[in-house]
Amino acid sequence: MLLDVPQSPGRVPVAIYIASPGADPDGLLEAHCRQYAETREWVVTAVFTDSGPLPPMEERMGWSDVQNALTAGTARGVVTWTRSMVAESAEAWERLTVRLGELAWFLAAGALDTPGQALYGRGSAGPGRGGNRAPEQGSFSPRAAPPTRH
């Protein structure tokens, strides 16, 4: 969901991304992500969610919407509550943050967890038991040139 937020010079626009294994994403997690962003003087311009049994990252509609927001310049970064919402291992998190950084975007998590030992987002299916897969190498494919830095 894109928000009608006026752009302020010097403030970085970000999208919030919440992945919840339950039927409905927890509004409290969005509030925590929003507070994390606003504390850093980032402007939340969009909120995207995926819920229910979570497929691999490249198949998630909410994550696809995040990619579109980054490509369109609506957001220059992504805030999620935990790293395990987008990666199942520390290595997968690192690959994803590096890949986004190479496109002049960033990814931040409001709470520190260790993917694979999640604080939230894995439900009963943990690593090795059908839990979420890590993002595939090269699964992020922008549709336009990344925004330029000023």
N, C-alpha and C. Protein backbone atom coordinates (compact mmCIF):
# COMPACT_ATOMS: atom_id res chain seq x y z
N MET A 1 0.84 -1.16 0.00
CA MET A 1 0.00 0.00 0.00
C MET A 1 0.89 1.23 0.00
N LEU A 2 0.80 2.02 -1.03
CA LEU A 2 1.55 3.27 -1.11
C LEU A 2 0.84 4.33 -0.29
N LEU A 3 1.60 5.14 0.39
CA LEU A 3 1.04 6.19 1.22
C LEU A 3 1.26 7.54 0.56
N ASP A 4 0.34 8.46 0.76
CA ASP A 4 0.47 9.80 0.20
C ASP A 4 1.26 10.65 1.19
N VAL A 5 2.57 10.57 1.09
CA VAL A 5 3.47 11.26 2.01
C VAL A 5 4.27 12.28 1.23
N PRO A 6 4.25 13.54 1.64
CA PRO A 6 5.05 14.54 0.93
C PRO A 6 6.54 14.24 1.09
N GLN A 7 7.28 14.40 0.02
CA GLN A 7 8.72 14.17 0.06
C GLN A 7 9.41 15.38 0.68
N SER A 8 10.32 15.12 1.57
CA SER A 8 11.10 16.18 2.21
C SER A 8 12.54 16.07 1.75
N PRO A 9 13.14 17.16 1.34
CA PRO A 9 14.55 17.10 0.95
C PRO A 9 15.40 16.59 2.12
N GLY A 10 16.29 15.67 1.83
CA GLY A 10 17.18 15.16 2.86
C GLY A 10 16.63 14.00 3.65
N ARG A 11 15.34 13.71 3.55
CA ARG A 11 14.77 12.58 4.27
C ARG A 11 14.65 11.40 3.32
N VAL A 12 15.05 10.25 3.77
CA VAL A 12 15.09 9.05 2.93
C VAL A 12 13.75 8.34 2.95
N PRO A 13 13.15 8.12 1.77
CA PRO A 13 11.89 7.38 1.72
C PRO A 13 12.14 5.87 1.85
N VAL A 14 11.36 5.20 2.69
CA VAL A 14 11.50 3.77 2.89
C VAL A 14 10.14 3.08 2.80
N ALA A 15 10.19 1.81 2.47
CA ALA A 15 9.01 0.95 2.50
C ALA A 15 9.16 0.01 3.69
N ILE A 16 8.05 -0.29 4.34
CA ILE A 16 8.04 -1.29 5.40
C ILE A 16 7.59 -2.60 4.78
N TYR A 17 8.26 -3.69 5.14
CA TYR A 17 7.88 -5.01 4.67
C TYR A 17 7.72 -5.95 5.86
N ILE A 18 6.52 -6.53 5.99
CA ILE A 18 6.22 -7.47 7.07
C ILE A 18 5.83 -8.80 6.45
N ALA A 19 6.47 -9.88 6.87
CA ALA A 19 6.10 -11.23 6.44
C ALA A 19 5.63 -11.99 7.68
N SER A 20 4.39 -12.44 7.66
CA SER A 20 3.79 -13.09 8.82
C SER A 20 3.25 -14.46 8.42
N PRO A 21 3.64 -15.51 9.15
CA PRO A 21 3.14 -16.84 8.81
C PRO A 21 1.66 -17.01 9.17
N GLY A 22 1.11 -16.10 9.94
CA GLY A 22 -0.29 -16.17 10.33
C GLY A 22 -1.20 -15.65 9.23
N ALA A 23 -2.47 -15.68 9.48
CA ALA A 23 -3.46 -15.26 8.48
C ALA A 23 -3.44 -13.76 8.24
N ASP A 24 -3.07 -12.98 9.25
CA ASP A 24 -3.11 -11.53 9.12
C ASP A 24 -1.86 -10.93 9.75
N PRO A 25 -1.14 -10.10 9.04
CA PRO A 25 0.07 -9.49 9.61
C PRO A 25 -0.26 -8.70 10.88
N ASP A 26 0.64 -8.74 11.80
CA ASP A 26 0.48 -8.08 13.09
C ASP A 26 0.72 -6.58 12.94
N GLY A 27 -0.31 -5.77 13.23
CA GLY A 27 -0.19 -4.31 13.15
C GLY A 27 0.87 -3.76 14.09
N LEU A 28 1.12 -4.46 15.18
CA LEU A 28 2.14 -4.02 16.12
C LEU A 28 3.52 -4.05 15.47
N LEU A 29 3.77 -5.04 14.62
CA LEU A 29 5.07 -5.11 13.94
C LEU A 29 5.25 -3.94 12.99
N GLU A 30 4.18 -3.57 12.29
CA GLU A 30 4.25 -2.39 11.42
C GLU A 30 4.55 -1.15 12.25
N ALA A 31 3.91 -1.02 13.40
CA ALA A 31 4.14 0.14 14.26
C ALA A 31 5.59 0.19 14.74
N HIS A 32 6.15 -0.98 15.08
CA HIS A 32 7.55 -1.03 15.50
C HIS A 32 8.47 -0.62 14.35
N CYS A 33 8.19 -1.11 13.14
CA CYS A 33 9.01 -0.76 11.97
C CYS A 33 8.91 0.73 11.68
N ARG A 34 7.71 1.26 11.78
CA ARG A 34 7.49 2.69 11.54
C ARG A 34 8.29 3.52 12.55
N GLN A 35 8.24 3.13 13.82
CA GLN A 35 8.99 3.85 14.85
C GLN A 35 10.49 3.76 14.58
N TYR A 36 10.96 2.58 14.18
CA TYR A 36 12.37 2.39 13.86
C TYR A 36 12.78 3.36 12.74
N ALA A 37 11.96 3.44 11.70
CA ALA A 37 12.25 4.32 10.57
C ALA A 37 12.20 5.78 10.98
N GLU A 38 11.16 6.17 11.65
CA GLU A 38 10.99 7.58 12.01
C GLU A 38 12.04 8.06 13.00
N THR A 39 12.55 7.17 13.85
CA THR A 39 13.62 7.52 14.77
C THR A 39 14.88 7.91 14.00
N ARG A 40 15.04 7.32 12.82
CA ARG A 40 16.19 7.63 11.97
C ARG A 40 15.88 8.74 10.97
N GLU A 41 14.72 9.35 11.12
CA GLU A 41 14.23 10.43 10.26
C GLU A 41 14.04 9.97 8.82
N TRP A 42 13.67 8.69 8.64
CA TRP A 42 13.29 8.18 7.34
C TRP A 42 11.79 8.39 7.19
N VAL A 43 11.33 8.59 5.97
CA VAL A 43 9.91 8.80 5.69
C VAL A 43 9.32 7.49 5.17
N VAL A 44 8.32 6.96 5.85
CA VAL A 44 7.66 5.74 5.40
C VAL A 44 6.70 6.11 4.28
N THR A 45 6.96 5.58 3.09
CA THR A 45 6.13 5.91 1.92
C THR A 45 5.25 4.75 1.49
N ALA A 46 5.50 3.56 2.02
CA ALA A 46 4.69 2.40 1.63
C ALA A 46 4.82 1.31 2.68
N VAL A 47 3.77 0.49 2.78
CA VAL A 47 3.78 -0.67 3.67
C VAL A 47 3.30 -1.86 2.86
N PHE A 48 4.09 -2.92 2.86
CA PHE A 48 3.76 -4.13 2.11
C PHE A 48 3.84 -5.33 3.04
N THR A 49 2.94 -6.29 2.82
CA THR A 49 2.91 -7.47 3.68
C THR A 49 2.72 -8.74 2.86
N ASP A 50 3.18 -9.82 3.43
CA ASP A 50 2.88 -11.17 2.96
C ASP A 50 2.46 -11.95 4.19
N SER A 51 1.44 -12.78 4.05
CA SER A 51 0.97 -13.55 5.19
C SER A 51 0.54 -14.94 4.76
N GLY A 52 0.27 -15.76 5.77
CA GLY A 52 -0.10 -17.15 5.52
C GLY A 52 1.15 -17.97 5.28
N PRO A 53 0.99 -19.17 4.76
CA PRO A 53 2.18 -19.96 4.45
C PRO A 53 3.05 -19.17 3.47
N LEU A 54 4.25 -18.88 3.87
CA LEU A 54 5.11 -18.00 3.07
C LEU A 54 5.91 -18.78 2.04
N PRO A 55 5.70 -18.46 0.76
CA PRO A 55 6.49 -19.09 -0.30
C PRO A 55 7.89 -18.49 -0.33
N PRO A 56 8.76 -18.98 -1.21
CA PRO A 56 10.09 -18.37 -1.36
C PRO A 56 9.94 -16.88 -1.71
N MET A 57 10.95 -16.11 -1.39
CA MET A 57 10.91 -14.65 -1.58
C MET A 57 10.48 -14.24 -2.98
N GLU A 58 11.02 -14.89 -4.01
CA GLU A 58 10.73 -14.48 -5.38
C GLU A 58 9.27 -14.72 -5.77
N GLU A 59 8.52 -15.45 -4.96
CA GLU A 59 7.11 -15.72 -5.24
C GLU A 59 6.15 -14.89 -4.37
N ARG A 60 6.67 -14.09 -3.48
CA ARG A 60 5.82 -13.31 -2.57
C ARG A 60 5.33 -12.02 -3.24
N MET A 61 4.02 -11.81 -3.22
CA MET A 61 3.43 -10.60 -3.83
C MET A 61 3.90 -9.34 -3.12
N GLY A 62 3.93 -9.35 -1.79
CA GLY A 62 4.37 -8.17 -1.05
C GLY A 62 5.81 -7.81 -1.36
N TRP A 63 6.68 -8.81 -1.47
CA TRP A 63 8.08 -8.53 -1.79
C TRP A 63 8.19 -8.01 -3.22
N SER A 64 7.37 -8.52 -4.13
CA SER A 64 7.34 -7.99 -5.49
C SER A 64 6.96 -6.51 -5.48
N ASP A 65 5.99 -6.16 -4.64
CA ASP A 65 5.59 -4.76 -4.52
C ASP A 65 6.73 -3.90 -3.95
N VAL A 66 7.51 -4.47 -3.03
CA VAL A 66 8.68 -3.76 -2.49
C VAL A 66 9.66 -3.48 -3.63
N GLN A 67 9.94 -4.48 -4.45
CA GLN A 67 10.86 -4.30 -5.58
C GLN A 67 10.36 -3.21 -6.52
N ASN A 68 9.06 -3.20 -6.78
CA ASN A 68 8.48 -2.17 -7.66
C ASN A 68 8.65 -0.78 -7.05
N ALA A 69 8.45 -0.65 -5.74
CA ALA A 69 8.60 0.64 -5.07
C ALA A 69 10.05 1.13 -5.14
N LEU A 70 10.99 0.21 -4.96
CA LEU A 70 12.41 0.58 -5.07
C LEU A 70 12.74 1.01 -6.50
N THR A 71 12.30 0.24 -7.45
CA THR A 71 12.58 0.54 -8.86
C THR A 71 11.97 1.87 -9.28
N ALA A 72 10.75 2.15 -8.80
CA ALA A 72 10.06 3.39 -9.17
C ALA A 72 10.60 4.60 -8.42
N GLY A 73 11.43 4.38 -7.40
CA GLY A 73 11.95 5.49 -6.61
C GLY A 73 11.04 5.93 -5.49
N THR A 74 9.95 5.22 -5.28
CA THR A 74 9.03 5.53 -4.19
C THR A 74 9.71 5.29 -2.85
N ALA A 75 10.64 4.33 -2.83
CA ALA A 75 11.42 4.02 -1.63
C ALA A 75 12.87 3.83 -2.05
N ARG A 76 13.77 4.17 -1.15
CA ARG A 76 15.20 3.94 -1.38
C ARG A 76 15.76 2.91 -0.42
N GLY A 77 14.89 2.47 0.50
CA GLY A 77 15.29 1.45 1.46
C GLY A 77 14.09 0.68 1.93
N VAL A 78 14.36 -0.43 2.62
CA VAL A 78 13.31 -1.30 3.15
C VAL A 78 13.58 -1.54 4.62
N VAL A 79 12.53 -1.40 5.43
CA VAL A 79 12.61 -1.71 6.86
C VAL A 79 11.70 -2.90 7.12
N THR A 80 12.26 -3.92 7.72
CA THR A 80 11.48 -5.09 8.13
C THR A 80 11.71 -5.27 9.63
N TRP A 81 10.84 -6.04 10.28
CA TRP A 81 10.99 -6.17 11.73
C TRP A 81 12.18 -7.04 12.08
N THR A 82 12.30 -8.22 11.45
CA THR A 82 13.43 -9.10 11.73
C THR A 82 14.08 -9.55 10.43
N ARG A 83 15.33 -9.90 10.52
CA ARG A 83 16.05 -10.39 9.35
C ARG A 83 15.42 -11.68 8.82
N SER A 84 14.84 -12.49 9.72
CA SER A 84 14.26 -13.77 9.31
C SER A 84 13.00 -13.60 8.47
N MET A 85 12.46 -12.39 8.37
CA MET A 85 11.30 -12.16 7.50
C MET A 85 11.71 -12.18 6.02
N VAL A 86 13.00 -11.99 5.75
CA VAL A 86 13.47 -11.96 4.36
C VAL A 86 14.62 -12.94 4.10
N ALA A 87 15.11 -13.62 5.11
CA ALA A 87 16.24 -14.54 4.93
C ALA A 87 16.20 -15.62 5.99
N GLU A 88 16.62 -16.82 5.62
CA GLU A 88 16.61 -17.90 6.62
C GLU A 88 17.99 -18.16 7.22
N SER A 89 18.99 -17.41 6.77
CA SER A 89 20.32 -17.55 7.36
C SER A 89 21.01 -16.20 7.34
N ALA A 90 22.05 -16.10 8.16
CA ALA A 90 22.83 -14.86 8.18
C ALA A 90 23.48 -14.62 6.82
N GLU A 91 23.88 -15.69 6.15
CA GLU A 91 24.50 -15.56 4.83
C GLU A 91 23.49 -15.04 3.81
N ALA A 92 22.26 -15.55 3.86
CA ALA A 92 21.22 -15.08 2.93
C ALA A 92 20.90 -13.61 3.17
N TRP A 93 20.88 -13.19 4.44
CA TRP A 93 20.66 -11.77 4.78
C TRP A 93 21.78 -10.93 4.17
N GLU A 94 23.01 -11.37 4.35
CA GLU A 94 24.16 -10.63 3.83
C GLU A 94 24.09 -10.52 2.31
N ARG A 95 23.77 -11.63 1.62
CA ARG A 95 23.66 -11.59 0.16
C ARG A 95 22.59 -10.58 -0.28
N LEU A 96 21.44 -10.59 0.40
CA LEU A 96 20.36 -9.69 0.02
C LEU A 96 20.73 -8.23 0.27
N THR A 97 21.34 -7.94 1.41
CA THR A 97 21.72 -6.55 1.70
C THR A 97 22.80 -6.06 0.73
N VAL A 98 23.74 -6.93 0.37
CA VAL A 98 24.77 -6.55 -0.59
C VAL A 98 24.14 -6.30 -1.95
N ARG A 99 23.24 -7.18 -2.38
CA ARG A 99 22.59 -7.03 -3.69
C ARG A 99 21.81 -5.72 -3.75
N LEU A 100 21.07 -5.39 -2.70
CA LEU A 100 20.34 -4.12 -2.68
C LEU A 100 21.30 -2.94 -2.63
N GLY A 101 22.37 -3.06 -1.85
CA GLY A 101 23.36 -1.99 -1.76
C GLY A 101 24.02 -1.70 -3.10
N GLU A 102 24.23 -2.73 -3.90
CA GLU A 102 24.82 -2.53 -5.22
C GLU A 102 23.91 -1.70 -6.13
N LEU A 103 22.63 -1.65 -5.81
CA LEU A 103 21.66 -0.87 -6.58
C LEU A 103 21.35 0.47 -5.90
N ALA A 104 22.15 0.83 -4.90
CA ALA A 104 22.02 2.08 -4.15
C ALA A 104 20.79 2.10 -3.25
N TRP A 105 20.33 0.91 -2.82
CA TRP A 105 19.22 0.79 -1.88
C TRP A 105 19.74 0.13 -0.62
N PHE A 106 18.91 0.05 0.42
CA PHE A 106 19.34 -0.62 1.65
C PHE A 106 18.20 -1.39 2.28
N LEU A 107 18.56 -2.28 3.20
CA LEU A 107 17.63 -3.11 3.94
C LEU A 107 18.01 -3.03 5.40
N ALA A 108 17.04 -2.79 6.27
CA ALA A 108 17.30 -2.69 7.71
C ALA A 108 16.26 -3.49 8.47
N ALA A 109 16.66 -4.09 9.58
CA ALA A 109 15.75 -4.82 10.45
C ALA A 109 15.65 -4.10 11.79
N GLY A 110 14.44 -3.92 12.27
CA GLY A 110 14.21 -3.20 13.52
C GLY A 110 14.61 -3.98 14.75
N ALA A 111 14.56 -5.29 14.69
CA ALA A 111 14.94 -6.14 15.83
C ALA A 111 16.00 -7.12 15.37
N LEU A 112 16.96 -7.36 16.21
CA LEU A 112 18.04 -8.27 15.87
C LEU A 112 17.60 -9.70 16.16
N ASP A 113 17.64 -10.53 15.16
CA ASP A 113 17.45 -11.95 15.34
C ASP A 113 18.47 -12.65 14.47
N THR A 114 18.59 -13.93 14.65
CA THR A 114 19.48 -14.73 13.82
C THR A 114 18.60 -15.56 12.90
N PRO A 115 18.61 -15.29 11.60
CA PRO A 115 17.80 -16.11 10.71
C PRO A 115 18.08 -17.59 10.95
N GLY A 116 17.00 -18.36 10.99
CA GLY A 116 17.11 -19.78 11.33
C GLY A 116 16.79 -20.00 12.80
N GLN A 117 16.87 -18.96 13.61
CA GLN A 117 16.50 -19.00 15.02
C GLN A 117 15.64 -17.77 15.28
N ALA A 118 14.55 -17.65 14.52
CA ALA A 118 13.77 -16.43 14.45
C ALA A 118 13.05 -16.08 15.75
N LEU A 119 12.96 -14.78 15.98
CA LEU A 119 12.12 -14.27 17.05
C LEU A 119 10.66 -14.30 16.60
N TYR A 120 10.46 -14.13 15.30
CA TYR A 120 9.12 -14.05 14.74
C TYR A 120 9.20 -14.42 13.27
N GLY A 121 8.18 -15.04 12.77
CA GLY A 121 8.09 -15.24 11.33
C GLY A 121 8.32 -16.65 10.83
N ARG A 122 8.64 -17.59 11.68
CA ARG A 122 8.88 -18.94 11.20
C ARG A 122 7.76 -19.91 11.56
N GLY A 123 6.92 -19.59 12.50
CA GLY A 123 5.85 -20.51 12.88
C GLY A 123 6.43 -21.83 13.35
N SER A 124 5.71 -22.94 13.11
CA SER A 124 6.18 -24.23 13.57
C SER A 124 7.15 -24.88 12.60
N ALA A 125 7.19 -24.39 11.39
CA ALA A 125 8.10 -24.97 10.40
C ALA A 125 9.44 -24.27 10.46
N GLY A 126 10.38 -24.83 11.14
CA GLY A 126 11.69 -24.20 11.26
C GLY A 126 12.64 -24.69 10.20
N PRO A 127 13.87 -24.33 10.33
CA PRO A 127 14.88 -24.75 9.37
C PRO A 127 14.90 -26.27 9.26
N GLY A 128 14.92 -26.75 8.04
CA GLY A 128 14.94 -28.19 7.83
C GLY A 128 13.59 -28.85 7.96
N ARG A 129 12.53 -28.08 8.26
CA ARG A 129 11.20 -28.66 8.42
C ARG A 129 10.20 -27.96 7.53
N GLY A 130 10.64 -27.49 6.38
CA GLY A 130 9.72 -26.85 5.45
C GLY A 130 9.54 -25.37 5.68
N GLY A 131 10.45 -24.74 6.44
CA GLY A 131 10.37 -23.29 6.68
C GLY A 131 10.67 -22.51 5.41
N ASN A 132 10.68 -21.19 5.52
CA ASN A 132 10.95 -20.34 4.36
C ASN A 132 12.33 -20.60 3.81
N ARG A 133 12.43 -20.54 2.49
CA ARG A 133 13.73 -20.66 1.84
C ARG A 133 14.39 -19.29 1.77
N ALA A 134 15.69 -19.32 1.72
CA ALA A 134 16.44 -18.07 1.55
C ALA A 134 16.20 -17.54 0.15
N PRO A 135 16.33 -16.24 -0.04
CA PRO A 135 16.20 -15.70 -1.39
C PRO A 135 17.27 -16.30 -2.30
N GLU A 136 16.87 -16.63 -3.50
CA GLU A 136 17.81 -17.20 -4.46
C GLU A 136 18.77 -16.11 -4.95
N GLN A 137 19.98 -16.50 -5.22
CA GLN A 137 20.94 -15.55 -5.78
C GLN A 137 20.39 -15.05 -7.11
N GLY A 138 20.34 -13.76 -7.29
CA GLY A 138 19.86 -13.18 -8.52
C GLY A 138 18.35 -13.08 -8.61
N SER A 139 17.61 -13.36 -7.53
CA SER A 139 16.15 -13.32 -7.61
C SER A 139 15.63 -11.89 -7.66
N PHE A 140 16.43 -10.91 -7.30
CA PHE A 140 16.00 -9.52 -7.37
C PHE A 140 16.39 -8.99 -8.73
N SER A 141 15.40 -8.64 -9.52
CA SER A 141 15.70 -8.13 -10.86
C SER A 141 14.96 -6.83 -11.08
N PRO A 142 15.65 -5.70 -10.94
CA PRO A 142 14.99 -4.41 -11.11
C PRO A 142 14.51 -4.24 -12.54
N ARG A 143 13.44 -3.47 -12.69
CA ARG A 143 12.85 -3.25 -14.00
C ARG A 143 13.33 -1.95 -14.62
N ALA A 144 14.06 -1.16 -13.89
CA ALA A 144 14.57 0.12 -14.40
C ALA A 144 15.89 0.41 -13.69
N ALA A 145 16.56 1.39 -14.16
CA ALA A 145 17.82 1.79 -13.54
C ALA A 145 17.57 2.28 -12.12
N PRO A 146 18.46 1.99 -11.19
CA PRO A 146 18.29 2.45 -9.82
C PRO A 146 18.38 3.97 -9.74
N PRO A 147 17.75 4.54 -8.71
CA PRO A 147 17.84 6.00 -8.56
C PRO A 147 19.28 6.42 -8.29
N THR A 148 19.62 7.60 -8.72
CA THR A 148 20.98 8.11 -8.51
C THR A 148 21.06 8.78 -7.15
N ARG A 149 22.23 8.73 -6.57
CA ARG A 149 22.46 9.38 -5.28
C ARG A 149 22.82 10.83 -5.51
N HIS A 150 22.39 11.70 -4.61
CA HIS A 150 22.72 13.13 -4.70
C HIS A 150 23.51 13.54 -3.49
